[in-house]
Every structure is written in structure tokens, then in C-alpha cells.
């Protein structure tokens, strides 16, 4: 399909104007926060096995990207040692809510669904297991 010069210029102008509008409407919390947050877990007891949300992620140390909008459970265990459980809680970061409500209202309802408003209460976890008696 051959377009005349005026139609092509109109399309280019539309695309040129659409890009900044799309970026302006994008969720800032989603862009800057993302939907995942890195959490580092270290077993101070050598060869401690680390599980996050029931999935084995490594021994001794692990770094995992966890969804911001969900609570998570970390379990560290080793034979002949007491198992330790650490709960990671998700919570809303009020600054993003205020920002979206005041300055970014056209995407106000998008951030809660992505979890981008949320943050995890713990990002570095160190566990020292106690020997069983």
C-alpha cells in the first residue's frame, strides 16, 4: 500500500506524539520498583539448606527475586539442627500511593494489581541454626 506524503507525515507525527504520552502514562512505581525485590538469605551454619516458599534455592547462601505483592516464607534446615522459619511480609509503600494519587492518577488503579506499590519488610536474612539436644 502506497501512502501519499501527507498521510505518512500524519502517521509520523502521531507516533512521535504517542510515545511521550505512553511514557507519561506508564506507572512510575512499576518502572522504578518493578514487581520483584531481591532478598538475600544466608545460613550461618555451614551446609544449611535454604527453602523459599517451599522451593529449595541453595545451601549456605542464596539470593532470590520475590514478588513484592505477596508474603513469603524462608526455611533453613540441616540434619541434627532445629529448623528456623522466617516470614517475609509484604506491605504498601505509602509514598507510591501518594505519588500516583496526586501526580500520576491515570494509572492509579494499575499499580495495586502489579504489586509495584509494595515492598518486602526484609531483604537480608541471616540464620544461625541451633543444634538439637
C-alpha atoms as a PDB file:
ATOM      1  CA  UNK A   1       0.000   0.000   0.000  1.00  0.00           C
ATOM      2  CA  UNK A   2       1.408   3.330  -1.058  1.00  0.00           C
ATOM      3  CA  UNK A   3       0.656   6.337   1.133  1.00  0.00           C
ATOM      4  CA  UNK A   4       0.893   9.860  -0.018  1.00  0.00           C
ATOM      5  CA  UNK A   5       3.351  12.181   1.665  1.00  0.00           C
ATOM      6  CA  UNK A   6       0.709  13.920   3.833  1.00  0.00           C
ATOM      7  CA  UNK A   7      -0.575  10.582   5.246  1.00  0.00           C
ATOM      8  CA  UNK A   8       2.973   9.473   6.034  1.00  0.00           C
ATOM      9  CA  UNK A   9       3.705  12.764   7.817  1.00  0.00           C
ATOM     10  CA  UNK A  10       0.482  12.423   9.824  1.00  0.00           C
ATOM     11  CA  UNK A  11       1.471   8.897  10.874  1.00  0.00           C
ATOM     12  CA  UNK A  12       4.948  10.012  11.890  1.00  0.00           C
ATOM     13  CA  UNK A  13       3.518  12.918  13.905  1.00  0.00           C
ATOM     14  CA  UNK A  14       1.037  10.595  15.613  1.00  0.00           C
ATOM     15  CA  UNK A  15       3.780   8.111  16.559  1.00  0.00           C
ATOM     16  CA  UNK A  16       6.046  10.967  17.690  1.00  0.00           C
ATOM     17  CA  UNK A  17       3.287  12.280  19.980  1.00  0.00           C
ATOM     18  CA  UNK A  18       2.123   8.837  21.116  1.00  0.00           C
ATOM     19  CA  UNK A  19       5.494   7.755  22.534  1.00  0.00           C
ATOM     20  CA  UNK A  20       5.826  10.541  25.159  1.00  0.00           C
ATOM     21  CA  UNK A  21       2.161  10.156  26.074  1.00  0.00           C
ATOM     22  CA  UNK A  22       2.631   6.427  26.582  1.00  0.00           C
ATOM     23  CA  UNK A  23       5.704   7.013  28.744  1.00  0.00           C
ATOM     24  CA  UNK A  24       3.895   9.681  30.748  1.00  0.00           C
ATOM     25  CA  UNK A  25       1.036   7.295  31.447  1.00  0.00           C
ATOM     26  CA  UNK A  26       3.313   4.459  32.487  1.00  0.00           C
ATOM     27  CA  UNK A  27       3.306   3.566  36.128  1.00  0.00           C
ATOM     28  CA  UNK A  28       6.295   5.120  37.895  1.00  0.00           C
ATOM     29  CA  UNK A  29       6.169   2.570  40.713  1.00  0.00           C
ATOM     30  CA  UNK A  30       6.215  -0.238  38.164  1.00  0.00           C
ATOM     31  CA  UNK A  31       9.093   1.348  36.245  1.00  0.00           C
ATOM     32  CA  UNK A  32      11.256   2.168  39.282  1.00  0.00           C
ATOM     33  CA  UNK A  33      10.204  -0.566  41.735  1.00  0.00           C
ATOM     34  CA  UNK A  34       9.249  -3.411  39.449  1.00  0.00           C
ATOM     35  CA  UNK A  35       7.177  -6.360  40.598  1.00  0.00           C
ATOM     36  CA  UNK A  36      10.034  -8.259  42.257  1.00  0.00           C
ATOM     37  CA  UNK A  37      12.500  -7.489  45.043  1.00  0.00           C
ATOM     38  CA  UNK A  38      15.810  -9.224  45.709  1.00  0.00           C
ATOM     39  CA  UNK A  39      16.179 -10.965  49.049  1.00  0.00           C
ATOM     40  CA  UNK A  40      19.474 -12.442  50.293  1.00  0.00           C
ATOM     41  CA  UNK A  41      19.402 -15.407  52.666  1.00  0.00           C
ATOM     42  CA  UNK A  42      22.487 -16.754  54.458  1.00  0.00           C
ATOM     43  CA  UNK A  43      22.806 -19.765  56.675  1.00  0.00           C
ATOM     44  CA  UNK A  44      25.463 -19.069  59.292  1.00  0.00           C
ATOM     45  CA  UNK A  45      25.504 -22.821  59.902  1.00  0.00           C
ATOM     46  CA  UNK A  46      27.580 -24.497  57.163  1.00  0.00           C
ATOM     47  CA  UNK A  47      25.575 -26.573  54.660  1.00  0.00           C
ATOM     48  CA  UNK A  48      22.227 -25.239  55.878  1.00  0.00           C
ATOM     49  CA  UNK A  49      19.622 -25.863  53.192  1.00  0.00           C
ATOM     50  CA  UNK A  50      17.538 -22.834  52.219  1.00  0.00           C
ATOM     51  CA  UNK A  51      13.932 -23.069  51.034  1.00  0.00           C
ATOM     52  CA  UNK A  52      11.790 -20.142  49.909  1.00  0.00           C
ATOM     53  CA  UNK A  53       8.060 -20.735  49.669  1.00  0.00           C
ATOM     54  CA  UNK A  54       8.722 -24.468  49.803  1.00  0.00           C
ATOM     55  CA  UNK A  55      11.258 -24.474  46.956  1.00  0.00           C
ATOM     56  CA  UNK A  56      14.903 -25.384  47.529  1.00  0.00           C
ATOM     57  CA  UNK A  57      17.079 -22.422  46.467  1.00  0.00           C
ATOM     58  CA  UNK A  58      20.512 -23.444  47.710  1.00  0.00           C
ATOM     59  CA  UNK A  59      22.829 -24.250  50.591  1.00  0.00           C
ATOM     60  CA  UNK A  60      24.710 -21.721  52.725  1.00  0.00           C
ATOM     61  CA  UNK A  61      23.513 -18.641  50.809  1.00  0.00           C
ATOM     62  CA  UNK A  62      21.004 -17.658  48.167  1.00  0.00           C
ATOM     63  CA  UNK A  63      19.684 -14.538  46.507  1.00  0.00           C
ATOM     64  CA  UNK A  64      16.140 -14.739  45.177  1.00  0.00           C
ATOM     65  CA  UNK A  65      13.810 -12.303  43.413  1.00  0.00           C
ATOM     66  CA  UNK A  66      10.468 -12.417  45.232  1.00  0.00           C
ATOM     67  CA  UNK A  67       7.183 -10.868  44.184  1.00  0.00           C
ATOM     68  CA  UNK A  68       6.576  -7.617  46.048  1.00  0.00           C
ATOM     69  CA  UNK A  69       2.844  -8.081  46.481  1.00  0.00           C
ATOM     70  CA  UNK A  70       2.993 -11.441  48.292  1.00  0.00           C
ATOM     71  CA  UNK A  71       4.121 -12.691  51.692  1.00  0.00           C
ATOM     72  CA  UNK A  72       6.890 -15.293  51.631  1.00  0.00           C
ATOM     73  CA  UNK A  73       8.328 -17.942  53.938  1.00  0.00           C
ATOM     74  CA  UNK A  74      12.023 -18.801  54.243  1.00  0.00           C
ATOM     75  CA  UNK A  75      13.033 -22.064  55.889  1.00  0.00           C
ATOM     76  CA  UNK A  76      16.615 -23.005  56.746  1.00  0.00           C
ATOM     77  CA  UNK A  77      17.294 -26.528  57.914  1.00  0.00           C
ATOM     78  CA  UNK A  78      20.034 -29.051  58.420  1.00  0.00           C
ATOM     79  CA  UNK A  79      20.034 -32.556  59.807  1.00  0.00           C
ATOM     80  CA  UNK A  80      20.599 -32.663  63.599  1.00  0.00           C
ATOM     81  CA  UNK A  81      19.729 -28.927  63.871  1.00  0.00           C
ATOM     82  CA  UNK A  82      16.491 -27.145  64.718  1.00  0.00           C
ATOM     83  CA  UNK A  83      14.705 -25.778  61.659  1.00  0.00           C
ATOM     84  CA  UNK A  84      14.303 -21.989  61.508  1.00  0.00           C
ATOM     85  CA  UNK A  85      11.425 -20.274  59.723  1.00  0.00           C
ATOM     86  CA  UNK A  86      11.423 -16.592  58.758  1.00  0.00           C
ATOM     87  CA  UNK A  87       8.318 -14.855  57.456  1.00  0.00           C
ATOM     88  CA  UNK A  88       8.701 -12.017  54.965  1.00  0.00           C
ATOM     89  CA  UNK A  89       5.726  -9.666  54.900  1.00  0.00           C
ATOM     90  CA  UNK A  90       4.628  -7.512  52.002  1.00  0.00           C
ATOM     91  CA  UNK A  91       3.378  -4.014  52.717  1.00  0.00           C
ATOM     92  CA  UNK A  92       2.255  -0.983  50.771  1.00  0.00           C
ATOM     93  CA  UNK A  93       4.802   1.819  50.432  1.00  0.00           C
ATOM     94  CA  UNK A  94       2.734   4.937  51.093  1.00  0.00           C
ATOM     95  CA  UNK A  95       4.971   7.198  49.008  1.00  0.00           C
ATOM     96  CA  UNK A  96       3.983   5.472  45.771  1.00  0.00           C
ATOM     97  CA  UNK A  97       0.287   5.676  46.649  1.00  0.00           C
ATOM     98  CA  UNK A  98       0.534   9.423  47.307  1.00  0.00           C
ATOM     99  CA  UNK A  99       2.596   9.985  44.150  1.00  0.00           C
ATOM    100  CA  UNK A 100       0.094   8.138  41.961  1.00  0.00           C
ATOM    101  CA  UNK A 101      -2.896   9.802  43.614  1.00  0.00           C
ATOM    102  CA  UNK A 102      -1.505  13.320  43.165  1.00  0.00           C
ATOM    103  CA  UNK A 103       0.641  13.232  40.056  1.00  0.00           C
ATOM    104  CA  UNK A 104       0.026  10.008  38.196  1.00  0.00           C
ATOM    105  CA  UNK A 105      -3.706   9.457  38.718  1.00  0.00           C
ATOM    106  CA  UNK A 106      -4.338   7.989  35.247  1.00  0.00           C
ATOM    107  CA  UNK A 107      -2.506   4.796  36.295  1.00  0.00           C
ATOM    108  CA  UNK A 108      -3.648   4.900  39.909  1.00  0.00           C
ATOM    109  CA  UNK A 109      -5.521   1.609  39.587  1.00  0.00           C
ATOM    110  CA  UNK A 110      -2.724  -0.224  37.747  1.00  0.00           C
ATOM    111  CA  UNK A 111      -0.041  -0.270  40.461  1.00  0.00           C
ATOM    112  CA  UNK A 112      -2.048  -2.157  43.100  1.00  0.00           C
ATOM    113  CA  UNK A 113      -2.646  -5.007  40.661  1.00  0.00           C
ATOM    114  CA  UNK A 114       1.048  -5.331  39.761  1.00  0.00           C
ATOM    115  CA  UNK A 115       2.320  -5.166  43.339  1.00  0.00           C
ATOM    116  CA  UNK A 116       4.648  -2.297  42.414  1.00  0.00           C
ATOM    117  CA  UNK A 117       3.358  -0.217  45.352  1.00  0.00           C
ATOM    118  CA  UNK A 118       4.528  -2.915  47.744  1.00  0.00           C
ATOM    119  CA  UNK A 119       7.831  -3.667  49.408  1.00  0.00           C
ATOM    120  CA  UNK A 120       9.084  -6.587  51.465  1.00  0.00           C
ATOM    121  CA  UNK A 121       9.915  -5.961  55.122  1.00  0.00           C
ATOM    122  CA  UNK A 122      13.135  -7.996  54.995  1.00  0.00           C
ATOM    123  CA  UNK A 123      15.765  -8.093  52.277  1.00  0.00           C
ATOM    124  CA  UNK A 124      18.748  -9.572  54.141  1.00  0.00           C
ATOM    125  CA  UNK A 125      18.265 -12.641  56.287  1.00  0.00           C
ATOM    126  CA  UNK A 126      20.951 -14.441  58.270  1.00  0.00           C
ATOM    127  CA  UNK A 127      20.030 -17.589  60.181  1.00  0.00           C
ATOM    128  CA  UNK A 128      22.176 -19.425  62.728  1.00  0.00           C
ATOM    129  CA  UNK A 129      20.743 -22.884  63.426  1.00  0.00           C
ATOM    130  CA  UNK A 130      20.841 -24.360  66.930  1.00  0.00           C
ATOM    131  CA  UNK A 131      21.946 -27.980  67.356  1.00  0.00           C
ATOM    132  CA  UNK A 132      19.247 -30.377  68.542  1.00  0.00           C
ATOM    133  CA  UNK A 133      19.661 -31.520  72.134  1.00  0.00           C
END
